[in-house]
Amino acid sequence: MSNSNPVSAKFIVAGGFGVGKTTLVGSVSEIDPLRTEASMTAASVGVDDTSKVQTKTTTTVAMDFGRITIENDLVLYLFGTPGQDRFGFMWDDLVNGALGAVVLVDSRRLEDSFFAVDYFESKNMPFVVALNTFNGAVSHSTEQVSAALQLRPEVQVLHCDARDRQSVKAVLLGLFDVILRRMMLEAQTA
């Protein structure tokens, strides 16, 4: 494949409020990521649960956007969704044209992940669950997270440190693997 005509792919990074989506996109993007962050105000009190993310002062109000080039012939565009329910109306537009998704999870707040898992299952979109480490530890194993989220057996749960470029790349490669396996299965049954 020629360097002048790379193939592009779109991935979504989704999950609940404060799970690290903006951090994940920023840690792997080769460009300065586009962030639509706004300061959290008194209006979010009682709406956004900041008890597990007490140092959080901003929130994504539209999307995050980053880019990573893989092997000079594949460009991956990452779109991070906003995490609050009140911005959920934007998800359909962000997901349009995407090949797959990463559902980023904070194991201390698994209930915040149900919406994203249900959303991608309803769209029949390939996805992986990335179990983000906070302070170097996770509260639950990948097996426990899979059971708690009632994931289908083919949905992988991977450990991830959203701050670490190599860790994020491993998750994205895991998602590529899921997408390729699904495409091969669909081609065999066609």
N, C-alpha and C. Protein backbone atom coordinates (compact mmCIF):
# COMPACT_ATOMS: atom_id res chain seq x y z
N MET A 1 0.84 -1.18 0.00
CA MET A 1 0.00 0.00 0.00
C MET A 1 0.88 1.24 0.00
N SER A 2 0.50 2.25 -0.68
CA SER A 2 1.28 3.48 -0.81
C SER A 2 1.10 4.39 0.39
N ASN A 3 2.17 5.07 0.76
CA ASN A 3 2.10 6.02 1.86
C ASN A 3 1.21 7.21 1.53
N SER A 4 1.03 7.49 0.23
CA SER A 4 0.26 8.67 -0.15
C SER A 4 -1.24 8.45 -0.04
N ASN A 5 -1.69 7.21 0.03
CA ASN A 5 -3.11 6.90 0.11
C ASN A 5 -3.42 5.96 1.27
N PRO A 6 -3.21 6.41 2.49
CA PRO A 6 -3.49 5.52 3.61
C PRO A 6 -4.99 5.25 3.76
N VAL A 7 -5.30 4.11 4.31
CA VAL A 7 -6.67 3.75 4.64
C VAL A 7 -6.96 4.34 6.02
N SER A 8 -8.17 4.82 6.21
CA SER A 8 -8.52 5.36 7.52
C SER A 8 -9.61 4.53 8.16
N ALA A 9 -9.61 4.54 9.48
CA ALA A 9 -10.62 3.83 10.25
C ALA A 9 -11.02 4.71 11.42
N LYS A 10 -12.26 4.58 11.83
CA LYS A 10 -12.80 5.38 12.92
C LYS A 10 -13.15 4.47 14.09
N PHE A 11 -12.62 4.80 15.26
CA PHE A 11 -12.94 4.08 16.50
C PHE A 11 -13.56 5.05 17.48
N ILE A 12 -14.43 4.53 18.30
CA ILE A 12 -15.09 5.31 19.35
C ILE A 12 -14.51 4.92 20.70
N VAL A 13 -14.32 5.88 21.56
CA VAL A 13 -13.94 5.65 22.95
C VAL A 13 -15.09 6.16 23.79
N ALA A 14 -15.74 5.25 24.50
CA ALA A 14 -16.95 5.60 25.26
C ALA A 14 -16.82 5.10 26.69
N GLY A 15 -17.73 5.54 27.50
CA GLY A 15 -17.77 5.11 28.89
C GLY A 15 -18.42 6.18 29.74
N GLY A 16 -18.49 5.92 31.01
CA GLY A 16 -19.14 6.82 31.94
C GLY A 16 -18.33 8.07 32.22
N PHE A 17 -18.91 8.92 33.02
CA PHE A 17 -18.32 10.19 33.44
C PHE A 17 -17.04 9.94 34.23
N GLY A 18 -15.95 10.58 33.81
CA GLY A 18 -14.71 10.54 34.57
C GLY A 18 -13.95 9.24 34.55
N VAL A 19 -14.16 8.39 33.51
CA VAL A 19 -13.44 7.11 33.47
C VAL A 19 -12.08 7.22 32.78
N GLY A 20 -11.81 8.35 32.10
CA GLY A 20 -10.51 8.53 31.47
C GLY A 20 -10.50 8.56 29.96
N LYS A 21 -11.64 8.82 29.35
CA LYS A 21 -11.73 8.83 27.88
C LYS A 21 -10.84 9.92 27.27
N THR A 22 -10.91 11.13 27.80
CA THR A 22 -10.09 12.23 27.29
C THR A 22 -8.62 11.90 27.46
N THR A 23 -8.26 11.34 28.60
CA THR A 23 -6.88 10.95 28.86
C THR A 23 -6.42 9.89 27.88
N LEU A 24 -7.26 8.89 27.61
CA LEU A 24 -6.91 7.81 26.68
C LEU A 24 -6.64 8.37 25.29
N VAL A 25 -7.54 9.18 24.78
CA VAL A 25 -7.36 9.74 23.44
C VAL A 25 -6.08 10.57 23.39
N GLY A 26 -5.85 11.38 24.41
CA GLY A 26 -4.67 12.23 24.43
C GLY A 26 -3.36 11.46 24.56
N SER A 27 -3.38 10.33 25.25
CA SER A 27 -2.13 9.59 25.47
C SER A 27 -1.62 8.89 24.21
N VAL A 28 -2.51 8.62 23.28
CA VAL A 28 -2.10 7.87 22.09
C VAL A 28 -2.09 8.72 20.82
N SER A 29 -2.72 9.88 20.85
CA SER A 29 -2.83 10.71 19.65
C SER A 29 -1.48 11.29 19.25
N GLU A 30 -1.19 11.24 17.95
CA GLU A 30 0.05 11.82 17.43
C GLU A 30 -0.09 13.31 17.14
N ILE A 31 -1.29 13.81 17.21
CA ILE A 31 -1.55 15.24 17.06
C ILE A 31 -2.06 15.76 18.41
N ASP A 32 -2.02 17.06 18.58
CA ASP A 32 -2.66 17.62 19.77
C ASP A 32 -4.15 17.31 19.64
N PRO A 33 -4.68 16.55 20.59
CA PRO A 33 -6.09 16.16 20.44
C PRO A 33 -7.02 17.36 20.56
N LEU A 34 -8.11 17.27 19.82
CA LEU A 34 -9.17 18.25 19.95
C LEU A 34 -9.98 17.84 21.18
N ARG A 35 -10.16 18.78 22.06
CA ARG A 35 -10.92 18.51 23.28
C ARG A 35 -12.01 19.56 23.40
N THR A 36 -13.19 19.14 23.73
CA THR A 36 -14.28 20.08 23.96
C THR A 36 -14.61 20.07 25.45
N GLU A 37 -13.63 20.46 26.23
CA GLU A 37 -13.76 20.47 27.68
C GLU A 37 -14.36 21.79 28.14
N ALA A 38 -15.22 21.69 29.12
CA ALA A 38 -15.78 22.88 29.76
C ALA A 38 -15.61 22.72 31.27
N SER A 39 -15.46 23.84 31.93
CA SER A 39 -15.33 23.80 33.39
C SER A 39 -16.63 23.31 34.01
N MET A 40 -16.46 22.49 35.02
CA MET A 40 -17.64 22.04 35.75
C MET A 40 -18.08 23.18 36.66
N THR A 41 -19.37 23.42 36.68
CA THR A 41 -19.91 24.54 37.45
C THR A 41 -20.84 24.02 38.53
N ALA A 42 -21.40 24.92 39.27
CA ALA A 42 -22.35 24.57 40.32
C ALA A 42 -23.57 23.85 39.74
N ALA A 43 -23.84 24.06 38.46
CA ALA A 43 -24.99 23.40 37.83
C ALA A 43 -24.83 21.89 37.78
N SER A 44 -23.59 21.39 37.87
CA SER A 44 -23.38 19.94 37.83
C SER A 44 -23.50 19.28 39.20
N VAL A 45 -23.58 20.08 40.25
CA VAL A 45 -23.73 19.52 41.60
C VAL A 45 -25.05 18.77 41.68
N GLY A 46 -24.96 17.53 42.14
CA GLY A 46 -26.15 16.70 42.23
C GLY A 46 -26.50 15.99 40.93
N VAL A 47 -25.83 16.39 39.83
CA VAL A 47 -26.05 15.77 38.53
C VAL A 47 -24.90 14.82 38.20
N ASP A 48 -23.67 15.30 38.37
CA ASP A 48 -22.48 14.50 38.10
C ASP A 48 -21.89 14.02 39.41
N ASP A 49 -21.71 12.71 39.54
CA ASP A 49 -21.13 12.13 40.74
C ASP A 49 -19.62 12.25 40.67
N THR A 50 -19.06 13.17 41.42
CA THR A 50 -17.62 13.38 41.42
C THR A 50 -16.94 12.73 42.62
N SER A 51 -17.65 11.87 43.35
CA SER A 51 -17.09 11.29 44.57
C SER A 51 -15.85 10.44 44.30
N LYS A 52 -15.76 9.80 43.15
CA LYS A 52 -14.59 8.97 42.81
C LYS A 52 -13.57 9.72 41.97
N VAL A 53 -13.92 10.90 41.51
CA VAL A 53 -13.02 11.73 40.69
C VAL A 53 -13.02 13.15 41.25
N GLN A 54 -12.64 13.28 42.50
CA GLN A 54 -12.77 14.55 43.21
C GLN A 54 -11.91 15.66 42.64
N THR A 55 -10.84 15.33 41.92
CA THR A 55 -9.98 16.36 41.36
C THR A 55 -10.44 16.82 39.97
N LYS A 56 -11.50 16.22 39.46
CA LYS A 56 -12.00 16.56 38.13
C LYS A 56 -12.63 17.95 38.15
N THR A 57 -12.16 18.83 37.27
CA THR A 57 -12.67 20.19 37.21
C THR A 57 -13.28 20.54 35.86
N THR A 58 -13.06 19.65 34.85
CA THR A 58 -13.62 19.89 33.52
C THR A 58 -14.33 18.62 33.06
N THR A 59 -15.14 18.77 32.03
CA THR A 59 -15.85 17.64 31.47
C THR A 59 -16.01 17.83 29.97
N THR A 60 -16.04 16.72 29.25
CA THR A 60 -16.24 16.76 27.79
C THR A 60 -17.70 17.05 27.50
N VAL A 61 -17.93 18.06 26.67
CA VAL A 61 -19.31 18.44 26.35
C VAL A 61 -19.71 18.09 24.92
N ALA A 62 -18.78 17.72 24.09
CA ALA A 62 -19.12 17.31 22.72
C ALA A 62 -18.36 16.04 22.35
N MET A 63 -17.04 16.13 22.27
CA MET A 63 -16.24 14.97 21.90
C MET A 63 -14.77 15.27 22.12
N ASP A 64 -13.99 14.21 22.09
CA ASP A 64 -12.54 14.32 21.99
C ASP A 64 -12.18 13.74 20.63
N PHE A 65 -11.09 14.21 20.05
CA PHE A 65 -10.68 13.70 18.75
C PHE A 65 -9.17 13.58 18.72
N GLY A 66 -8.69 12.41 18.27
CA GLY A 66 -7.26 12.20 18.12
C GLY A 66 -6.99 11.35 16.89
N ARG A 67 -5.71 11.26 16.56
CA ARG A 67 -5.30 10.52 15.36
C ARG A 67 -4.03 9.75 15.67
N ILE A 68 -3.95 8.54 15.14
CA ILE A 68 -2.73 7.75 15.26
C ILE A 68 -2.50 7.04 13.93
N THR A 69 -1.27 7.10 13.43
CA THR A 69 -0.90 6.42 12.20
C THR A 69 -0.29 5.08 12.56
N ILE A 70 -0.79 4.03 11.90
CA ILE A 70 -0.29 2.68 12.15
C ILE A 70 0.34 2.17 10.86
N GLU A 71 1.63 1.86 10.91
CA GLU A 71 2.35 1.29 9.77
C GLU A 71 2.30 2.15 8.51
N ASN A 72 2.15 3.45 8.62
CA ASN A 72 2.15 4.41 7.50
C ASN A 72 1.06 4.19 6.46
N ASP A 73 0.30 3.12 6.56
CA ASP A 73 -0.75 2.92 5.56
C ASP A 73 -2.14 2.81 6.19
N LEU A 74 -2.21 3.01 7.49
CA LEU A 74 -3.49 2.98 8.19
C LEU A 74 -3.52 4.12 9.20
N VAL A 75 -4.53 4.97 9.06
CA VAL A 75 -4.71 6.09 9.98
C VAL A 75 -5.97 5.81 10.79
N LEU A 76 -5.81 5.86 12.07
CA LEU A 76 -6.91 5.59 12.99
C LEU A 76 -7.36 6.91 13.61
N TYR A 77 -8.65 7.19 13.47
CA TYR A 77 -9.25 8.37 14.08
C TYR A 77 -10.03 7.94 15.31
N LEU A 78 -9.73 8.57 16.43
CA LEU A 78 -10.39 8.25 17.69
C LEU A 78 -11.36 9.36 18.06
N PHE A 79 -12.57 8.99 18.36
CA PHE A 79 -13.60 9.93 18.80
C PHE A 79 -14.05 9.53 20.19
N GLY A 80 -13.81 10.38 21.16
CA GLY A 80 -14.26 10.13 22.52
C GLY A 80 -15.61 10.76 22.76
N THR A 81 -16.51 9.98 23.33
CA THR A 81 -17.86 10.48 23.61
C THR A 81 -17.90 11.22 24.94
N PRO A 82 -18.87 12.09 25.11
CA PRO A 82 -19.09 12.65 26.45
C PRO A 82 -19.66 11.55 27.35
N GLY A 83 -19.38 11.63 28.63
CA GLY A 83 -19.78 10.57 29.55
C GLY A 83 -21.11 10.76 30.24
N GLN A 84 -21.63 11.97 30.27
CA GLN A 84 -22.88 12.20 30.99
C GLN A 84 -24.09 11.89 30.12
N ASP A 85 -25.13 11.38 30.76
CA ASP A 85 -26.36 11.03 30.05
C ASP A 85 -26.93 12.20 29.28
N ARG A 86 -26.80 13.41 29.82
CA ARG A 86 -27.43 14.56 29.17
C ARG A 86 -26.79 14.90 27.82
N PHE A 87 -25.62 14.34 27.54
CA PHE A 87 -24.97 14.54 26.25
C PHE A 87 -25.10 13.31 25.35
N GLY A 88 -25.88 12.32 25.78
CA GLY A 88 -26.04 11.07 25.03
C GLY A 88 -26.63 11.24 23.65
N PHE A 89 -27.37 12.31 23.44
CA PHE A 89 -27.98 12.54 22.12
C PHE A 89 -26.93 12.67 21.02
N MET A 90 -25.68 12.94 21.39
CA MET A 90 -24.62 13.12 20.39
C MET A 90 -24.02 11.80 19.92
N TRP A 91 -24.26 10.74 20.66
CA TRP A 91 -23.59 9.47 20.37
C TRP A 91 -23.88 8.96 18.96
N ASP A 92 -25.13 9.01 18.51
CA ASP A 92 -25.46 8.49 17.18
C ASP A 92 -24.64 9.17 16.09
N ASP A 93 -24.46 10.48 16.19
CA ASP A 93 -23.66 11.19 15.19
C ASP A 93 -22.19 10.81 15.29
N LEU A 94 -21.67 10.70 16.51
CA LEU A 94 -20.26 10.34 16.68
C LEU A 94 -19.97 8.92 16.19
N VAL A 95 -20.89 8.02 16.40
CA VAL A 95 -20.68 6.60 16.07
C VAL A 95 -20.84 6.33 14.57
N ASN A 96 -21.53 7.20 13.86
CA ASN A 96 -21.77 7.00 12.44
C ASN A 96 -20.44 6.76 11.70
N GLY A 97 -20.32 5.63 11.03
CA GLY A 97 -19.13 5.30 10.25
C GLY A 97 -18.01 4.63 11.03
N ALA A 98 -18.21 4.41 12.32
CA ALA A 98 -17.17 3.78 13.13
C ALA A 98 -17.13 2.27 12.91
N LEU A 99 -15.92 1.70 12.98
CA LEU A 99 -15.75 0.25 12.84
C LEU A 99 -15.92 -0.48 14.16
N GLY A 100 -15.65 0.21 15.26
CA GLY A 100 -15.73 -0.45 16.56
C GLY A 100 -15.54 0.56 17.67
N ALA A 101 -15.60 0.04 18.90
CA ALA A 101 -15.53 0.93 20.06
C ALA A 101 -14.75 0.30 21.20
N VAL A 102 -14.20 1.17 22.01
CA VAL A 102 -13.60 0.81 23.28
C VAL A 102 -14.52 1.39 24.35
N VAL A 103 -15.02 0.52 25.23
CA VAL A 103 -15.79 0.98 26.38
C VAL A 103 -14.82 1.02 27.55
N LEU A 104 -14.46 2.21 27.98
CA LEU A 104 -13.53 2.39 29.08
C LEU A 104 -14.30 2.32 30.39
N VAL A 105 -13.78 1.53 31.33
CA VAL A 105 -14.49 1.24 32.57
C VAL A 105 -13.62 1.56 33.77
N ASP A 106 -14.23 2.18 34.77
CA ASP A 106 -13.64 2.32 36.10
C ASP A 106 -14.32 1.24 36.95
N SER A 107 -13.55 0.25 37.40
CA SER A 107 -14.17 -0.89 38.09
C SER A 107 -14.79 -0.49 39.43
N ARG A 108 -14.51 0.71 39.92
CA ARG A 108 -15.15 1.19 41.15
C ARG A 108 -16.57 1.66 40.88
N ARG A 109 -16.89 1.88 39.58
CA ARG A 109 -18.20 2.41 39.20
C ARG A 109 -18.72 1.67 37.97
N LEU A 110 -18.86 0.36 38.07
CA LEU A 110 -19.28 -0.44 36.92
C LEU A 110 -20.65 -0.02 36.38
N GLU A 111 -21.52 0.44 37.27
CA GLU A 111 -22.87 0.81 36.84
C GLU A 111 -22.84 1.93 35.81
N ASP A 112 -21.78 2.73 35.79
CA ASP A 112 -21.66 3.81 34.81
C ASP A 112 -21.37 3.29 33.41
N SER A 113 -21.08 2.00 33.28
CA SER A 113 -20.71 1.40 32.00
C SER A 113 -21.88 0.73 31.29
N PHE A 114 -22.96 0.50 31.99
CA PHE A 114 -24.08 -0.24 31.39
C PHE A 114 -24.61 0.44 30.14
N PHE A 115 -24.74 1.77 30.17
CA PHE A 115 -25.28 2.47 29.01
C PHE A 115 -24.43 2.22 27.77
N ALA A 116 -23.11 2.36 27.91
CA ALA A 116 -22.23 2.18 26.75
C ALA A 116 -22.26 0.75 26.22
N VAL A 117 -22.22 -0.22 27.11
CA VAL A 117 -22.29 -1.63 26.69
C VAL A 117 -23.61 -1.89 25.97
N ASP A 118 -24.72 -1.46 26.56
CA ASP A 118 -26.03 -1.66 25.93
C ASP A 118 -26.11 -0.96 24.58
N TYR A 119 -25.55 0.23 24.50
CA TYR A 119 -25.60 1.00 23.27
C TYR A 119 -24.90 0.25 22.13
N PHE A 120 -23.67 -0.22 22.36
CA PHE A 120 -22.93 -0.88 21.28
C PHE A 120 -23.50 -2.26 20.97
N GLU A 121 -24.05 -2.94 21.96
CA GLU A 121 -24.74 -4.20 21.67
C GLU A 121 -25.96 -3.95 20.80
N SER A 122 -26.72 -2.90 21.08
CA SER A 122 -27.92 -2.60 20.29
C SER A 122 -27.56 -2.21 18.86
N LYS A 123 -26.38 -1.64 18.66
CA LYS A 123 -25.91 -1.26 17.33
C LYS A 123 -25.20 -2.41 16.61
N ASN A 124 -25.03 -3.53 17.34
CA ASN A 124 -24.29 -4.68 16.82
C ASN A 124 -22.90 -4.28 16.36
N MET A 125 -22.28 -3.37 17.11
CA MET A 125 -20.95 -2.87 16.78
C MET A 125 -19.92 -3.62 17.61
N PRO A 126 -18.84 -4.07 16.98
CA PRO A 126 -17.77 -4.72 17.75
C PRO A 126 -17.18 -3.75 18.78
N PHE A 127 -16.94 -4.28 19.98
CA PHE A 127 -16.31 -3.45 21.01
C PHE A 127 -15.53 -4.33 21.98
N VAL A 128 -14.59 -3.68 22.66
CA VAL A 128 -13.88 -4.31 23.77
C VAL A 128 -14.12 -3.43 24.99
N VAL A 129 -13.98 -4.03 26.14
CA VAL A 129 -14.05 -3.29 27.39
C VAL A 129 -12.63 -3.12 27.90
N ALA A 130 -12.24 -1.89 28.18
CA ALA A 130 -10.91 -1.59 28.71
C ALA A 130 -11.06 -1.20 30.17
N LEU A 131 -10.51 -2.02 31.03
CA LEU A 131 -10.58 -1.83 32.47
C LEU A 131 -9.44 -0.90 32.89
N ASN A 132 -9.77 0.36 33.12
CA ASN A 132 -8.77 1.38 33.40
C ASN A 132 -8.22 1.22 34.82
N THR A 133 -6.92 1.38 34.94
CA THR A 133 -6.29 1.32 36.26
C THR A 133 -6.20 2.73 36.81
N PHE A 134 -6.60 2.87 38.04
CA PHE A 134 -6.49 4.14 38.74
C PHE A 134 -5.57 3.92 39.93
N ASN A 135 -4.57 4.78 40.05
CA ASN A 135 -3.58 4.65 41.11
C ASN A 135 -2.88 3.30 41.06
N GLY A 136 -2.69 2.76 39.85
CA GLY A 136 -1.95 1.52 39.68
C GLY A 136 -2.68 0.26 40.05
N ALA A 137 -3.96 0.33 40.33
CA ALA A 137 -4.68 -0.87 40.76
C ALA A 137 -6.09 -0.88 40.16
N VAL A 138 -6.63 -2.09 40.05
CA VAL A 138 -8.03 -2.26 39.67
C VAL A 138 -8.74 -2.94 40.82
N SER A 139 -10.01 -2.64 40.96
CA SER A 139 -10.79 -3.18 42.08
C SER A 139 -11.33 -4.57 41.79
N HIS A 140 -11.39 -4.95 40.51
CA HIS A 140 -11.98 -6.24 40.14
C HIS A 140 -11.18 -6.87 39.01
N SER A 141 -11.27 -8.18 38.89
CA SER A 141 -10.59 -8.89 37.80
C SER A 141 -11.38 -8.72 36.51
N THR A 142 -10.75 -9.06 35.38
CA THR A 142 -11.45 -8.98 34.10
C THR A 142 -12.64 -9.93 34.08
N GLU A 143 -12.51 -11.08 34.71
CA GLU A 143 -13.62 -12.05 34.78
C GLU A 143 -14.79 -11.48 35.58
N GLN A 144 -14.49 -10.83 36.70
CA GLN A 144 -15.55 -10.23 37.51
C GLN A 144 -16.25 -9.12 36.75
N VAL A 145 -15.49 -8.31 36.04
CA VAL A 145 -16.08 -7.21 35.26
C VAL A 145 -16.96 -7.78 34.15
N SER A 146 -16.49 -8.81 33.47
CA SER A 146 -17.27 -9.44 32.41
C SER A 146 -18.59 -9.96 32.95
N ALA A 147 -18.55 -10.62 34.09
CA ALA A 147 -19.78 -11.16 34.70
C ALA A 147 -20.70 -10.04 35.15
N ALA A 148 -20.16 -9.01 35.79
CA ALA A 148 -20.98 -7.91 36.30
C ALA A 148 -21.66 -7.14 35.17
N LEU A 149 -20.96 -6.99 34.04
CA LEU A 149 -21.54 -6.28 32.89
C LEU A 149 -22.36 -7.20 32.00
N GLN A 150 -22.39 -8.49 32.35
CA GLN A 150 -23.14 -9.50 31.58
C GLN A 150 -22.75 -9.47 30.11
N LEU A 151 -21.44 -9.48 29.88
CA LEU A 151 -20.92 -9.42 28.52
C LEU A 151 -21.04 -10.77 27.83
N ARG A 152 -21.26 -10.74 26.53
CA ARG A 152 -21.24 -11.96 25.73
C ARG A 152 -19.81 -12.52 25.77
N PRO A 153 -19.65 -13.83 25.60
CA PRO A 153 -18.32 -14.44 25.69
C PRO A 153 -17.29 -13.86 24.72
N GLU A 154 -17.73 -13.36 23.57
CA GLU A 154 -16.78 -12.85 22.58
C GLU A 154 -16.29 -11.43 22.90
N VAL A 155 -16.88 -10.77 23.88
CA VAL A 155 -16.44 -9.42 24.24
C VAL A 155 -15.26 -9.53 25.20
N GLN A 156 -14.13 -9.02 24.75
CA GLN A 156 -12.91 -9.07 25.55
C GLN A 156 -12.89 -7.95 26.59
N VAL A 157 -12.37 -8.29 27.77
CA VAL A 157 -12.10 -7.29 28.79
C VAL A 157 -10.59 -7.24 28.94
N LEU A 158 -10.02 -6.06 28.70
CA LEU A 158 -8.57 -5.88 28.70
C LEU A 158 -8.17 -4.88 29.76
N HIS A 159 -7.04 -5.11 30.40
CA HIS A 159 -6.51 -4.11 31.33
C HIS A 159 -5.94 -2.95 30.54
N CYS A 160 -6.05 -1.75 31.09
CA CYS A 160 -5.58 -0.56 30.39
C CYS A 160 -5.20 0.51 31.39
N ASP A 161 -4.13 1.21 31.09
CA ASP A 161 -3.81 2.43 31.81
C ASP A 161 -3.98 3.55 30.79
N ALA A 162 -5.04 4.31 30.91
CA ALA A 162 -5.38 5.34 29.91
C ALA A 162 -4.29 6.39 29.76
N ARG A 163 -3.37 6.46 30.72
CA ARG A 163 -2.28 7.45 30.66
C ARG A 163 -1.08 6.95 29.88
N ASP A 164 -1.05 5.64 29.60
CA ASP A 164 0.12 5.01 29.02
C ASP A 164 -0.10 4.67 27.55
N ARG A 165 0.68 5.27 26.68
CA ARG A 165 0.54 5.09 25.23
C ARG A 165 0.58 3.61 24.82
N GLN A 166 1.53 2.85 25.34
CA GLN A 166 1.66 1.44 24.95
C GLN A 166 0.45 0.62 25.41
N SER A 167 -0.05 0.91 26.58
CA SER A 167 -1.22 0.22 27.10
C SER A 167 -2.45 0.50 26.22
N VAL A 168 -2.62 1.75 25.84
CA VAL A 168 -3.74 2.13 24.98
C VAL A 168 -3.59 1.48 23.60
N LYS A 169 -2.37 1.47 23.06
CA LYS A 169 -2.15 0.83 21.76
C LYS A 169 -2.53 -0.66 21.82
N ALA A 170 -2.22 -1.32 22.92
CA ALA A 170 -2.58 -2.74 23.07
C ALA A 170 -4.10 -2.92 23.05
N VAL A 171 -4.82 -2.01 23.67
CA VAL A 171 -6.29 -2.08 23.64
C VAL A 171 -6.81 -1.87 22.22
N LEU A 172 -6.25 -0.89 21.51
CA LEU A 172 -6.69 -0.63 20.14
C LEU A 172 -6.38 -1.82 19.23
N LEU A 173 -5.23 -2.45 19.43
CA LEU A 173 -4.91 -3.65 18.65
C LEU A 173 -5.87 -4.79 19.00
N GLY A 174 -6.27 -4.87 20.27
CA GLY A 174 -7.27 -5.87 20.66
C GLY A 174 -8.59 -5.64 19.95
N LEU A 175 -8.98 -4.37 19.82
CA LEU A 175 -10.21 -4.05 19.09
C LEU A 175 -10.07 -4.38 17.61
N PHE A 176 -8.91 -4.08 17.01
CA PHE A 176 -8.68 -4.46 15.61
C PHE A 176 -8.86 -5.96 15.43
N ASP A 177 -8.33 -6.73 16.36
CA ASP A 177 -8.44 -8.19 16.29
C ASP A 177 -9.90 -8.62 16.32
N VAL A 178 -10.69 -8.03 17.20
CA VAL A 178 -12.13 -8.35 17.29
C VAL A 178 -12.83 -8.01 15.98
N ILE A 179 -12.53 -6.86 15.42
CA ILE A 179 -13.16 -6.43 14.16
C ILE A 179 -12.79 -7.38 13.03
N LEU A 180 -11.50 -7.72 12.92
CA LEU A 180 -11.05 -8.62 11.84
C LEU A 180 -11.68 -10.00 11.97
N ARG A 181 -11.76 -10.52 13.20
CA ARG A 181 -12.39 -11.83 13.39
C ARG A 181 -13.86 -11.80 12.99
N ARG A 182 -14.54 -10.72 13.33
CA ARG A 182 -15.95 -10.61 12.95
C ARG A 182 -16.10 -10.53 11.44
N MET A 183 -15.23 -9.76 10.78
CA MET A 183 -15.30 -9.64 9.33
C MET A 183 -15.04 -10.99 8.65
N MET A 184 -14.08 -11.74 9.17
CA MET A 184 -13.80 -13.07 8.60
C MET A 184 -14.98 -14.01 8.81
N LEU A 185 -15.60 -13.98 9.97
CA LEU A 185 -16.76 -14.83 10.25
C LEU A 185 -17.92 -14.46 9.34
N GLU A 186 -18.14 -13.17 9.16
CA GLU A 186 -19.23 -12.72 8.28
C GLU A 186 -18.97 -13.12 6.83
N ALA A 187 -17.70 -13.07 6.39
CA ALA A 187 -17.36 -13.47 5.03
C ALA A 187 -17.57 -14.97 4.84
N GLN A 188 -17.31 -15.76 5.86
CA GLN A 188 -17.51 -17.21 5.76
C GLN A 188 -18.98 -17.59 5.71
N THR A 189 -19.83 -16.81 6.38
CA THR A 189 -21.24 -17.14 6.41
C THR A 189 -22.04 -16.48 5.29
N ALA A 190 -21.38 -15.65 4.48
CA ALA A 190 -22.08 -14.96 3.39
C ALA A 190 -22.25 -15.84 2.18
